[in-house]
PDB file of N, CA and C in Angstrom:
ATOM      1  N   MET A   1      21.694 -16.209  -8.867  1.00  0.00           N
ATOM      2  CA  MET A   1      20.746 -17.144  -8.279  1.00  0.00           C
ATOM      3  C   MET A   1      19.370 -16.827  -8.830  1.00  0.00           C
ATOM      4  N   ASP A   2      18.701 -17.786  -9.431  1.00  0.00           N
ATOM      5  CA  ASP A   2      17.347 -17.533  -9.918  1.00  0.00           C
ATOM      6  C   ASP A   2      16.342 -17.969  -8.864  1.00  0.00           C
ATOM      7  N   SER A   3      15.057 -17.740  -9.161  1.00  0.00           N
ATOM      8  CA  SER A   3      14.015 -17.983  -8.149  1.00  0.00           C
ATOM      9  C   SER A   3      13.945 -19.442  -7.716  1.00  0.00           C
ATOM     10  N   HIS A   4      14.386 -20.385  -8.578  1.00  0.00           N
ATOM     11  CA  HIS A   4      14.363 -21.795  -8.200  1.00  0.00           C
ATOM     12  C   HIS A   4      15.461 -22.137  -7.204  1.00  0.00           C
ATOM     13  N   ASP A   5      16.514 -21.322  -7.155  1.00  0.00           N
ATOM     14  CA  ASP A   5      17.644 -21.583  -6.269  1.00  0.00           C
ATOM     15  C   ASP A   5      17.534 -20.873  -4.935  1.00  0.00           C
ATOM     16  N   ARG A   6      16.544 -19.973  -4.806  1.00  0.00           N
ATOM     17  CA  ARG A   6      16.411 -19.226  -3.559  1.00  0.00           C
ATOM     18  C   ARG A   6      15.949 -20.138  -2.440  1.00  0.00           C
ATOM     19  N   PRO A   7      16.544 -19.971  -1.275  1.00  0.00           N
ATOM     20  CA  PRO A   7      16.072 -20.776  -0.135  1.00  0.00           C
ATOM     21  C   PRO A   7      14.688 -20.325   0.289  1.00  0.00           C
ATOM     22  N   GLN A   8      13.861 -21.251   0.689  1.00  0.00           N
ATOM     23  CA  GLN A   8      12.533 -20.937   1.194  1.00  0.00           C
ATOM     24  C   GLN A   8      12.660 -20.272   2.551  1.00  0.00           C
ATOM     25  N   SER A   9      11.753 -19.347   2.830  1.00  0.00           N
ATOM     26  CA  SER A   9      11.709 -18.737   4.145  1.00  0.00           C
ATOM     27  C   SER A   9      11.369 -19.836   5.146  1.00  0.00           C
ATOM     28  N   PRO A  10      12.116 -19.944   6.244  1.00  0.00           N
ATOM     29  CA  PRO A  10      11.900 -21.054   7.174  1.00  0.00           C
ATOM     30  C   PRO A  10      10.549 -21.060   7.860  1.00  0.00           C
ATOM     31  N   ASP A  11       9.892 -19.907   7.966  1.00  0.00           N
ATOM     32  CA  ASP A  11       8.625 -19.856   8.690  1.00  0.00           C
ATOM     33  C   ASP A  11       7.394 -19.905   7.786  1.00  0.00           C
ATOM     34  N   ILE A  12       7.585 -20.003   6.471  1.00  0.00           N
ATOM     35  CA  ILE A  12       6.452 -20.036   5.557  1.00  0.00           C
ATOM     36  C   ILE A  12       6.602 -21.226   4.618  1.00  0.00           C
ATOM     37  N   ASN A  13       5.549 -22.023   4.523  1.00  0.00           N
ATOM     38  CA  ASN A  13       5.531 -23.073   3.516  1.00  0.00           C
ATOM     39  C   ASN A  13       4.149 -23.103   2.889  1.00  0.00           C
ATOM     40  N   VAL A  14       4.014 -23.840   1.829  1.00  0.00           N
ATOM     41  CA  VAL A  14       2.760 -23.867   1.075  1.00  0.00           C
ATOM     42  C   VAL A  14       1.585 -24.264   1.959  1.00  0.00           C
ATOM     43  N   ARG A  15       1.796 -25.165   2.875  1.00  0.00           N
ATOM     44  CA  ARG A  15       0.707 -25.637   3.737  1.00  0.00           C
ATOM     45  C   ARG A  15       0.193 -24.559   4.689  1.00  0.00           C
ATOM     46  N   SER A  16       1.008 -23.527   4.944  1.00  0.00           N
ATOM     47  CA  SER A  16       0.573 -22.476   5.865  1.00  0.00           C
ATOM     48  C   SER A  16      -0.273 -21.412   5.168  1.00  0.00           C
ATOM     49  N   LEU A  17      -0.528 -21.575   3.874  1.00  0.00           N
ATOM     50  CA  LEU A  17      -1.342 -20.608   3.149  1.00  0.00           C
ATOM     51  C   LEU A  17      -2.824 -20.936   3.305  1.00  0.00           C
ATOM     52  N   ASP A  18      -3.360 -20.603   4.475  1.00  0.00           N
ATOM     53  CA  ASP A  18      -4.768 -20.850   4.721  1.00  0.00           C
ATOM     54  C   ASP A  18      -5.612 -19.809   3.978  1.00  0.00           C
ATOM     55  N   GLU A  19      -6.914 -19.986   4.005  1.00  0.00           N
ATOM     56  CA  GLU A  19      -7.812 -19.110   3.248  1.00  0.00           C
ATOM     57  C   GLU A  19      -7.699 -17.647   3.668  1.00  0.00           C
ATOM     58  N   GLU A  20      -7.556 -17.389   4.952  1.00  0.00           N
ATOM     59  CA  GLU A  20      -7.446 -16.011   5.432  1.00  0.00           C
ATOM     60  C   GLU A  20      -6.164 -15.362   4.907  1.00  0.00           C
ATOM     61  N   THR A  21      -5.059 -16.108   4.959  1.00  0.00           N
ATOM     62  CA  THR A  21      -3.789 -15.588   4.456  1.00  0.00           C
ATOM     63  C   THR A  21      -3.883 -15.323   2.958  1.00  0.00           C
ATOM     64  N   LEU A  22      -4.420 -16.266   2.216  1.00  0.00           N
ATOM     65  CA  LEU A  22      -4.565 -16.097   0.774  1.00  0.00           C
ATOM     66  C   LEU A  22      -5.427 -14.876   0.452  1.00  0.00           C
ATOM     67  N   PHE A  23      -6.502 -14.698   1.197  1.00  0.00           N
ATOM     68  CA  PHE A  23      -7.379 -13.556   0.978  1.00  0.00           C
ATOM     69  C   PHE A  23      -6.636 -12.242   1.235  1.00  0.00           C
ATOM     70  N   MET A  24      -5.902 -12.150   2.332  1.00  0.00           N
ATOM     71  CA  MET A  24      -5.169 -10.923   2.649  1.00  0.00           C
ATOM     72  C   MET A  24      -4.097 -10.621   1.607  1.00  0.00           C
ATOM     73  N   VAL A  25      -3.406 -11.662   1.139  1.00  0.00           N
ATOM     74  CA  VAL A  25      -2.392 -11.457   0.096  1.00  0.00           C
ATOM     75  C   VAL A  25      -3.059 -10.945  -1.179  1.00  0.00           C
ATOM     76  N   SER A  26      -4.175 -11.551  -1.569  1.00  0.00           N
ATOM     77  CA  SER A  26      -4.863 -11.116  -2.790  1.00  0.00           C
ATOM     78  C   SER A  26      -5.373  -9.684  -2.645  1.00  0.00           C
ATOM     79  N   GLN A  27      -5.858  -9.302  -1.460  1.00  0.00           N
ATOM     80  CA  GLN A  27      -6.327  -7.940  -1.237  1.00  0.00           C
ATOM     81  C   GLN A  27      -5.172  -6.936  -1.279  1.00  0.00           C
ATOM     82  N   THR A  28      -4.015  -7.340  -0.778  1.00  0.00           N
ATOM     83  CA  THR A  28      -2.837  -6.471  -0.835  1.00  0.00           C
ATOM     84  C   THR A  28      -2.455  -6.209  -2.288  1.00  0.00           C
ATOM     85  N   PHE A  29      -2.426  -7.274  -3.098  1.00  0.00           N
ATOM     86  CA  PHE A  29      -2.108  -7.080  -4.515  1.00  0.00           C
ATOM     87  C   PHE A  29      -3.214  -6.312  -5.229  1.00  0.00           C
ATOM     88  N   LYS A  30      -4.452  -6.476  -4.796  1.00  0.00           N
ATOM     89  CA  LYS A  30      -5.554  -5.687  -5.366  1.00  0.00           C
ATOM     90  C   LYS A  30      -5.315  -4.203  -5.072  1.00  0.00           C
ATOM     91  N   ALA A  31      -4.899  -3.905  -3.854  1.00  0.00           N
ATOM     92  CA  ALA A  31      -4.607  -2.520  -3.486  1.00  0.00           C
ATOM     93  C   ALA A  31      -3.509  -1.946  -4.372  1.00  0.00           C
ATOM     94  N   LEU A  32      -2.515  -2.762  -4.671  1.00  0.00           N
ATOM     95  CA  LEU A  32      -1.391  -2.305  -5.486  1.00  0.00           C
ATOM     96  C   LEU A  32      -1.662  -2.393  -6.989  1.00  0.00           C
ATOM     97  N   SER A  33      -2.844  -2.844  -7.365  1.00  0.00           N
ATOM     98  CA  SER A  33      -3.161  -2.964  -8.782  1.00  0.00           C
ATOM     99  C   SER A  33      -3.891  -1.736  -9.321  1.00  0.00           C
ATOM    100  N   ASP A  34      -4.163  -0.783  -8.477  1.00  0.00           N
ATOM    101  CA  ASP A  34      -4.901   0.415  -8.865  1.00  0.00           C
ATOM    102  C   ASP A  34      -3.951   1.613  -8.888  1.00  0.00           C
ATOM    103  N   THR A  35      -3.897   2.314 -10.022  1.00  0.00           N
ATOM    104  CA  THR A  35      -2.934   3.412 -10.153  1.00  0.00           C
ATOM    105  C   THR A  35      -3.178   4.549  -9.157  1.00  0.00           C
ATOM    106  N   THR A  36      -4.433   4.825  -8.848  1.00  0.00           N
ATOM    107  CA  THR A  36      -4.721   5.882  -7.869  1.00  0.00           C
ATOM    108  C   THR A  36      -4.210   5.488  -6.494  1.00  0.00           C
ATOM    109  N   ARG A  37      -4.442   4.239  -6.088  1.00  0.00           N
ATOM    110  CA  ARG A  37      -3.954   3.795  -4.776  1.00  0.00           C
ATOM    111  C   ARG A  37      -2.425   3.770  -4.744  1.00  0.00           C
ATOM    112  N   ILE A  38      -1.802   3.386  -5.851  1.00  0.00           N
ATOM    113  CA  ILE A  38      -0.336   3.404  -5.912  1.00  0.00           C
ATOM    114  C   ILE A  38       0.172   4.828  -5.714  1.00  0.00           C
ATOM    115  N   ARG A  39      -0.435   5.765  -6.402  1.00  0.00           N
ATOM    116  CA  ARG A  39      -0.007   7.168  -6.273  1.00  0.00           C
ATOM    117  C   ARG A  39      -0.176   7.665  -4.840  1.00  0.00           C
ATOM    118  N   ILE A  40      -1.301   7.319  -4.214  1.00  0.00           N
ATOM    119  CA  ILE A  40      -1.552   7.744  -2.830  1.00  0.00           C
ATOM    120  C   ILE A  40      -0.529   7.106  -1.897  1.00  0.00           C
ATOM    121  N   LEU A  41      -0.326   5.814  -2.019  1.00  0.00           N
ATOM    122  CA  LEU A  41       0.639   5.138  -1.148  1.00  0.00           C
ATOM    123  C   LEU A  41       2.046   5.688  -1.334  1.00  0.00           C
ATOM    124  N   TYR A  42       2.420   5.930  -2.588  1.00  0.00           N
ATOM    125  CA  TYR A  42       3.763   6.462  -2.835  1.00  0.00           C
ATOM    126  C   TYR A  42       3.910   7.841  -2.200  1.00  0.00           C
ATOM    127  N   LEU A  43       2.901   8.696  -2.343  1.00  0.00           N
ATOM    128  CA  LEU A  43       2.944  10.013  -1.705  1.00  0.00           C
ATOM    129  C   LEU A  43       3.062   9.870  -0.199  1.00  0.00           C
ATOM    130  N   LEU A  44       2.268   8.957   0.384  1.00  0.00           N
ATOM    131  CA  LEU A  44       2.301   8.781   1.838  1.00  0.00           C
ATOM    132  C   LEU A  44       3.597   8.124   2.308  1.00  0.00           C
ATOM    133  N   SER A  45       4.327   7.501   1.411  1.00  0.00           N
ATOM    134  CA  SER A  45       5.650   6.967   1.790  1.00  0.00           C
ATOM    135  C   SER A  45       6.648   8.111   1.923  1.00  0.00           C
ATOM    136  N   GLN A  46       6.335   9.251   1.297  1.00  0.00           N
ATOM    137  CA  GLN A  46       7.224  10.415   1.333  1.00  0.00           C
ATOM    138  C   GLN A  46       6.906  11.358   2.495  1.00  0.00           C
ATOM    139  N   LYS A  47       5.601  11.477   2.805  1.00  0.00           N
ATOM    140  CA  LYS A  47       5.203  12.420   3.852  1.00  0.00           C
ATOM    141  C   LYS A  47       3.773  12.147   4.298  1.00  0.00           C
ATOM    142  N   GLU A  48       3.455  12.629   5.477  1.00  0.00           N
ATOM    143  CA  GLU A  48       2.102  12.559   6.016  1.00  0.00           C
ATOM    144  C   GLU A  48       1.264  13.656   5.341  1.00  0.00           C
ATOM    145  N   CYS A  49       0.023  13.328   5.004  1.00  0.00           N
ATOM    146  CA  CYS A  49      -0.837  14.295   4.297  1.00  0.00           C
ATOM    147  C   CYS A  49      -2.279  14.195   4.764  1.00  0.00           C
ATOM    148  N   SER A  50      -2.970  15.315   4.662  1.00  0.00           N
ATOM    149  CA  SER A  50      -4.427  15.321   4.855  1.00  0.00           C
ATOM    150  C   SER A  50      -5.089  14.919   3.539  1.00  0.00           C
ATOM    151  N   VAL A  51      -6.383  14.657   3.594  1.00  0.00           N
ATOM    152  CA  VAL A  51      -7.127  14.321   2.371  1.00  0.00           C
ATOM    153  C   VAL A  51      -6.999  15.454   1.355  1.00  0.00           C
ATOM    154  N   ASN A  52      -7.152  16.699   1.812  1.00  0.00           N
ATOM    155  CA  ASN A  52      -7.047  17.846   0.901  1.00  0.00           C
ATOM    156  C   ASN A  52      -5.658  17.942   0.280  1.00  0.00           C
ATOM    157  N   GLU A  53      -4.627  17.702   1.068  1.00  0.00           N
ATOM    158  CA  GLU A  53      -3.258  17.754   0.537  1.00  0.00           C
ATOM    159  C   GLU A  53      -3.037  16.666  -0.518  1.00  0.00           C
ATOM    160  N   ILE A  54      -3.549  15.469  -0.242  1.00  0.00           N
ATOM    161  CA  ILE A  54      -3.426  14.377  -1.220  1.00  0.00           C
ATOM    162  C   ILE A  54      -4.161  14.755  -2.501  1.00  0.00           C
ATOM    163  N   ALA A  55      -5.385  15.244  -2.362  1.00  0.00           N
ATOM    164  CA  ALA A  55      -6.193  15.630  -3.528  1.00  0.00           C
ATOM    165  C   ALA A  55      -5.473  16.703  -4.345  1.00  0.00           C
ATOM    166  N   ASP A  56      -4.936  17.716  -3.677  1.00  0.00           N
ATOM    167  CA  ASP A  56      -4.235  18.791  -4.381  1.00  0.00           C
ATOM    168  C   ASP A  56      -2.962  18.289  -5.050  1.00  0.00           C
ATOM    169  N   GLU A  57      -2.179  17.541  -4.305  1.00  0.00           N
ATOM    170  CA  GLU A  57      -0.878  17.055  -4.810  1.00  0.00           C
ATOM    171  C   GLU A  57      -1.053  16.133  -6.022  1.00  0.00           C
ATOM    172  N   LEU A  58      -2.096  15.299  -6.001  1.00  0.00           N
ATOM    173  CA  LEU A  58      -2.284  14.302  -7.057  1.00  0.00           C
ATOM    174  C   LEU A  58      -3.366  14.696  -8.068  1.00  0.00           C
ATOM    175  N   SER A  59      -3.913  15.897  -7.930  1.00  0.00           N
ATOM    176  CA  SER A  59      -4.976  16.387  -8.822  1.00  0.00           C
ATOM    177  C   SER A  59      -6.145  15.405  -8.891  1.00  0.00           C
ATOM    178  N   LEU A  60      -6.638  15.048  -7.704  1.00  0.00           N
ATOM    179  CA  LEU A  60      -7.764  14.129  -7.582  1.00  0.00           C
ATOM    180  C   LEU A  60      -8.895  14.825  -6.843  1.00  0.00           C
ATOM    181  N   LEU A  61     -10.103  14.317  -7.028  1.00  0.00           N
ATOM    182  CA  LEU A  61     -11.232  14.808  -6.246  1.00  0.00           C
ATOM    183  C   LEU A  61     -11.089  14.333  -4.805  1.00  0.00           C
ATOM    184  N   GLN A  62     -11.530  15.166  -3.875  1.00  0.00           N
ATOM    185  CA  GLN A  62     -11.479  14.809  -2.459  1.00  0.00           C
ATOM    186  C   GLN A  62     -12.268  13.527  -2.196  1.00  0.00           C
ATOM    187  N   SER A  63     -13.412  13.363  -2.861  1.00  0.00           N
ATOM    188  CA  SER A  63     -14.224  12.154  -2.666  1.00  0.00           C
ATOM    189  C   SER A  63     -13.482  10.906  -3.148  1.00  0.00           C
ATOM    190  N   THR A  64     -12.727  11.024  -4.230  1.00  0.00           N
ATOM    191  CA  THR A  64     -11.927   9.898  -4.731  1.00  0.00           C
ATOM    192  C   THR A  64     -10.854   9.515  -3.718  1.00  0.00           C
ATOM    193  N   VAL A  65     -10.176  10.508  -3.189  1.00  0.00           N
ATOM    194  CA  VAL A  65      -9.127  10.257  -2.199  1.00  0.00           C
ATOM    195  C   VAL A  65      -9.726   9.603  -0.962  1.00  0.00           C
ATOM    196  N   SER A  66     -10.840  10.121  -0.475  1.00  0.00           N
ATOM    197  CA  SER A  66     -11.473   9.552   0.723  1.00  0.00           C
ATOM    198  C   SER A  66     -11.865   8.095   0.496  1.00  0.00           C
ATOM    199  N   HIS A  67     -12.430   7.806  -0.662  1.00  0.00           N
ATOM    200  CA  HIS A  67     -12.829   6.434  -0.995  1.00  0.00           C
ATOM    201  C   HIS A  67     -11.612   5.507  -1.001  1.00  0.00           C
ATOM    202  N   GLN A  68     -10.540   5.929  -1.646  1.00  0.00           N
ATOM    203  CA  GLN A  68      -9.344   5.082  -1.731  1.00  0.00           C
ATOM    204  C   GLN A  68      -8.663   4.937  -0.365  1.00  0.00           C
ATOM    205  N   LEU A  69      -8.653   5.984   0.427  1.00  0.00           N
ATOM    206  CA  LEU A  69      -8.073   5.886   1.773  1.00  0.00           C
ATOM    207  C   LEU A  69      -8.867   4.920   2.641  1.00  0.00           C
ATOM    208  N   ARG A  70     -10.179   4.909   2.491  1.00  0.00           N
ATOM    209  CA  ARG A  70     -11.003   3.968   3.251  1.00  0.00           C
ATOM    210  C   ARG A  70     -10.629   2.531   2.888  1.00  0.00           C
ATOM    211  N   PHE A  71     -10.458   2.261   1.585  1.00  0.00           N
ATOM    212  CA  PHE A  71     -10.042   0.935   1.124  1.00  0.00           C
ATOM    213  C   PHE A  71      -8.677   0.572   1.720  1.00  0.00           C
ATOM    214  N   LEU A  72      -7.727   1.505   1.663  1.00  0.00           N
ATOM    215  CA  LEU A  72      -6.376   1.246   2.175  1.00  0.00           C
ATOM    216  C   LEU A  72      -6.359   1.103   3.700  1.00  0.00           C
ATOM    217  N   LYS A  73      -7.198   1.876   4.371  1.00  0.00           N
ATOM    218  CA  LYS A  73      -7.277   1.800   5.833  1.00  0.00           C
ATOM    219  C   LYS A  73      -7.849   0.455   6.277  1.00  0.00           C
ATOM    220  N   ASN A  74      -8.851  -0.040   5.553  1.00  0.00           N
ATOM    221  CA  ASN A  74      -9.443  -1.341   5.886  1.00  0.00           C
ATOM    222  C   ASN A  74      -8.427  -2.472   5.768  1.00  0.00           C
ATOM    223  N   LEU A  75      -7.447  -2.309   4.904  1.00  0.00           N
ATOM    224  CA  LEU A  75      -6.375  -3.311   4.760  1.00  0.00           C
ATOM    225  C   LEU A  75      -5.191  -3.030   5.689  1.00  0.00           C
ATOM    226  N   ARG A  76      -5.312  -1.984   6.497  1.00  0.00           N
ATOM    227  CA  ARG A  76      -4.244  -1.562   7.416  1.00  0.00           C
ATOM    228  C   ARG A  76      -2.967  -1.176   6.668  1.00  0.00           C
ATOM    229  N   LEU A  77      -3.150  -0.563   5.497  1.00  0.00           N
ATOM    230  CA  LEU A  77      -2.003  -0.084   4.727  1.00  0.00           C
ATOM    231  C   LEU A  77      -1.732   1.392   4.988  1.00  0.00           C
ATOM    232  N   VAL A  78      -2.746   2.097   5.495  1.00  0.00           N
ATOM    233  CA  VAL A  78      -2.564   3.482   5.919  1.00  0.00           C
ATOM    234  C   VAL A  78      -3.169   3.650   7.313  1.00  0.00           C
ATOM    235  N   LYS A  79      -2.683   4.649   8.005  1.00  0.00           N
ATOM    236  CA  LYS A  79      -3.210   4.991   9.326  1.00  0.00           C
ATOM    237  C   LYS A  79      -3.411   6.499   9.346  1.00  0.00           C
ATOM    238  N   PHE A  80      -4.095   6.983  10.359  1.00  0.00           N
ATOM    239  CA  PHE A  80      -4.315   8.428  10.455  1.00  0.00           C
ATOM    240  C   PHE A  80      -4.186   8.877  11.889  1.00  0.00           C
ATOM    241  N   ARG A  81      -3.942  10.170  12.015  1.00  0.00           N
ATOM    242  CA  ARG A  81      -3.985  10.836  13.308  1.00  0.00           C
ATOM    243  C   ARG A  81      -4.832  12.078  13.132  1.00  0.00           C
ATOM    244  N   ARG A  82      -5.507  12.434  14.202  1.00  0.00           N
ATOM    245  CA  ARG A  82      -6.400  13.593  14.162  1.00  0.00           C
ATOM    246  C   ARG A  82      -5.692  14.790  14.799  1.00  0.00           C
ATOM    247  N   ALA A  83      -5.789  15.934  14.122  1.00  0.00           N
ATOM    248  CA  ALA A  83      -5.307  17.205  14.670  1.00  0.00           C
ATOM    249  C   ALA A  83      -6.461  18.195  14.502  1.00  0.00           C
ATOM    250  N   GLY A  84      -7.210  18.408  15.578  1.00  0.00           N
ATOM    251  CA  GLY A  84      -8.415  19.229  15.491  1.00  0.00           C
ATOM    252  C   GLY A  84      -9.450  18.497  14.657  1.00  0.00           C
ATOM    253  N   THR A  85      -9.877  19.129  13.568  1.00  0.00           N
ATOM    254  CA  THR A  85     -10.868  18.491  12.694  1.00  0.00           C
ATOM    255  C   THR A  85     -10.230  17.825  11.470  1.00  0.00           C
ATOM    256  N   THR A  86      -8.912  17.894  11.375  1.00  0.00           N
ATOM    257  CA  THR A  86      -8.212  17.363  10.201  1.00  0.00           C
ATOM    258  C   THR A  86      -7.583  16.014  10.521  1.00  0.00           C
ATOM    259  N   LEU A  87      -7.741  15.071   9.577  1.00  0.00           N
ATOM    260  CA  LEU A  87      -7.081  13.775   9.676  1.00  0.00           C
ATOM    261  C   LEU A  87      -5.841  13.799   8.789  1.00  0.00           C
ATOM    262  N   TYR A  88      -4.726  13.349   9.351  1.00  0.00           N
ATOM    263  CA  TYR A  88      -3.477  13.254   8.596  1.00  0.00           C
ATOM    264  C   TYR A  88      -3.136  11.783   8.414  1.00  0.00           C
ATOM    265  N   TYR A  89      -2.906  11.395   7.169  1.00  0.00           N
ATOM    266  CA  TYR A  89      -2.668  10.002   6.811  1.00  0.00           C
ATOM    267  C   TYR A  89      -1.184   9.748   6.563  1.00  0.00           C
ATOM    268  N   SER A  90      -0.780   8.524   6.883  1.00  0.00           N
ATOM    269  CA  SER A  90       0.573   8.054   6.588  1.00  0.00           C
ATOM    270  C   SER A  90       0.490   6.556   6.303  1.00  0.00           C
ATOM    271  N   HIS A  91       1.551   6.021   5.723  1.00  0.00           N
ATOM    272  CA  HIS A  91       1.525   4.584   5.430  1.00  0.00           C
ATOM    273  C   HIS A  91       1.644   3.808   6.736  1.00  0.00           C
ATOM    274  N   ASP A  92       1.168   2.564   6.731  1.00  0.00           N
ATOM    275  CA  ASP A  92       1.123   1.792   7.979  1.00  0.00           C
ATOM    276  C   ASP A  92       1.657   0.377   7.814  1.00  0.00           C
ATOM    277  N   ASP A  93       2.345   0.090   6.719  1.00  0.00           N
ATOM    278  CA  ASP A  93       2.862  -1.266   6.533  1.00  0.00           C
ATOM    279  C   ASP A  93       4.154  -1.203   5.725  1.00  0.00           C
ATOM    280  N   GLU A  94       5.253  -1.328   6.429  1.00  0.00           N
ATOM    281  CA  GLU A  94       6.572  -1.225   5.783  1.00  0.00           C
ATOM    282  C   GLU A  94       6.782  -2.331   4.758  1.00  0.00           C
ATOM    283  N   HIS A  95       6.235  -3.519   5.009  1.00  0.00           N
ATOM    284  CA  HIS A  95       6.384  -4.626   4.051  1.00  0.00           C
ATOM    285  C   HIS A  95       5.745  -4.281   2.710  1.00  0.00           C
ATOM    286  N   VAL A  96       4.546  -3.723   2.751  1.00  0.00           N
ATOM    287  CA  VAL A  96       3.854  -3.364   1.515  1.00  0.00           C
ATOM    288  C   VAL A  96       4.563  -2.198   0.832  1.00  0.00           C
ATOM    289  N   MET A  97       5.083  -1.266   1.619  1.00  0.00           N
ATOM    290  CA  MET A  97       5.824  -0.162   1.018  1.00  0.00           C
ATOM    291  C   MET A  97       7.092  -0.689   0.335  1.00  0.00           C
ATOM    292  N   ASP A  98       7.722  -1.696   0.926  1.00  0.00           N
ATOM    293  CA  ASP A  98       8.875  -2.330   0.278  1.00  0.00           C
ATOM    294  C   ASP A  98       8.466  -2.984  -1.040  1.00  0.00           C
ATOM    295  N   LEU A  99       7.311  -3.674  -1.045  1.00  0.00           N
ATOM    296  CA  LEU A  99       6.795  -4.265  -2.293  1.00  0.00           C
ATOM    297  C   LEU A  99       6.574  -3.190  -3.350  1.00  0.00           C
ATOM    298  N   LEU A 100       5.965  -2.085  -2.953  1.00  0.00           N
ATOM    299  CA  LEU A 100       5.687  -0.997  -3.877  1.00  0.00           C
ATOM    300  C   LEU A 100       6.991  -0.421  -4.434  1.00  0.00           C
ATOM    301  N   THR A 101       7.943  -0.179  -3.567  1.00  0.00           N
ATOM    302  CA  THR A 101       9.234   0.355  -4.000  1.00  0.00           C
ATOM    303  C   THR A 101       9.927  -0.591  -4.963  1.00  0.00           C
ATOM    304  N   GLU A 102       9.913  -1.876  -4.647  1.00  0.00           N
ATOM    305  CA  GLU A 102      10.530  -2.875  -5.532  1.00  0.00           C
ATOM    306  C   GLU A 102       9.823  -2.935  -6.876  1.00  0.00           C
ATOM    307  N   ALA A 103       8.501  -2.837  -6.861  1.00  0.00           N
ATOM    308  CA  ALA A 103       7.743  -2.864  -8.118  1.00  0.00           C
ATOM    309  C   ALA A 103       8.082  -1.645  -8.972  1.00  0.00           C
ATOM    310  N   ILE A 104       8.238  -0.485  -8.330  1.00  0.00           N
ATOM    311  CA  ILE A 104       8.613   0.734  -9.063  1.00  0.00           C
ATOM    312  C   ILE A 104      10.012   0.561  -9.648  1.00  0.00           C
ATOM    313  N   HIS A 105      10.942   0.046  -8.844  1.00  0.00           N
ATOM    314  CA  HIS A 105      12.298  -0.202  -9.356  1.00  0.00           C
ATOM    315  C   HIS A 105      12.257  -1.193 -10.526  1.00  0.00           C
ATOM    316  N   HIS A 106      11.462  -2.218 -10.400  1.00  0.00           N
ATOM    317  CA  HIS A 106      11.331  -3.207 -11.469  1.00  0.00           C
ATOM    318  C   HIS A 106      10.798  -2.562 -12.757  1.00  0.00           C
ATOM    319  N   ALA A 107       9.774  -1.712 -12.617  1.00  0.00           N
ATOM    320  CA  ALA A 107       9.185  -1.049 -13.779  1.00  0.00           C
ATOM    321  C   ALA A 107      10.172  -0.095 -14.461  1.00  0.00           C
ATOM    322  N   ASN A 108      11.078   0.488 -13.679  1.00  0.00           N
ATOM    323  CA  ASN A 108      12.056   1.437 -14.224  1.00  0.00           C
ATOM    324  C   ASN A 108      13.364   0.787 -14.637  1.00  0.00           C
ATOM    325  N   HIS A 109      13.478  -0.504 -14.423  1.00  0.00           N
ATOM    326  CA  HIS A 109      14.717  -1.220 -14.730  1.00  0.00           C
ATOM    327  C   HIS A 109      14.875  -1.390 -16.239  1.00  0.00           C
ATOM    328  N   ASP A 110      16.068  -1.108 -16.717  1.00  0.00           N
ATOM    329  CA  ASP A 110      16.346  -1.274 -18.154  1.00  0.00           C
ATOM    330  C   ASP A 110      16.805  -2.670 -18.472  1.00  0.00           C
TER     331      ASP A 110
END
């Protein structure tokens, strides 16, 4: 079955793509268009991490990680919990994580 033969989702049609929806979709793809954000999201799909743990694991500056987490948090793609003075981050949107996983599978497909 190719994309032209797939049934449309019953609750979504072209007319329901209002400006707010279009903006959120474009921002989600913007989030997934940056290699640093992809690496952070993929790590957070595996385990919860602090900013320092993310920076160490991905060999990034702490300021870079904080900046990217702020961007991802504003889109509600990551969430955090506080333990004392440390914030621990995890992914917060299973749909986007599914998109990321599918994109990785697509990129690795022969």
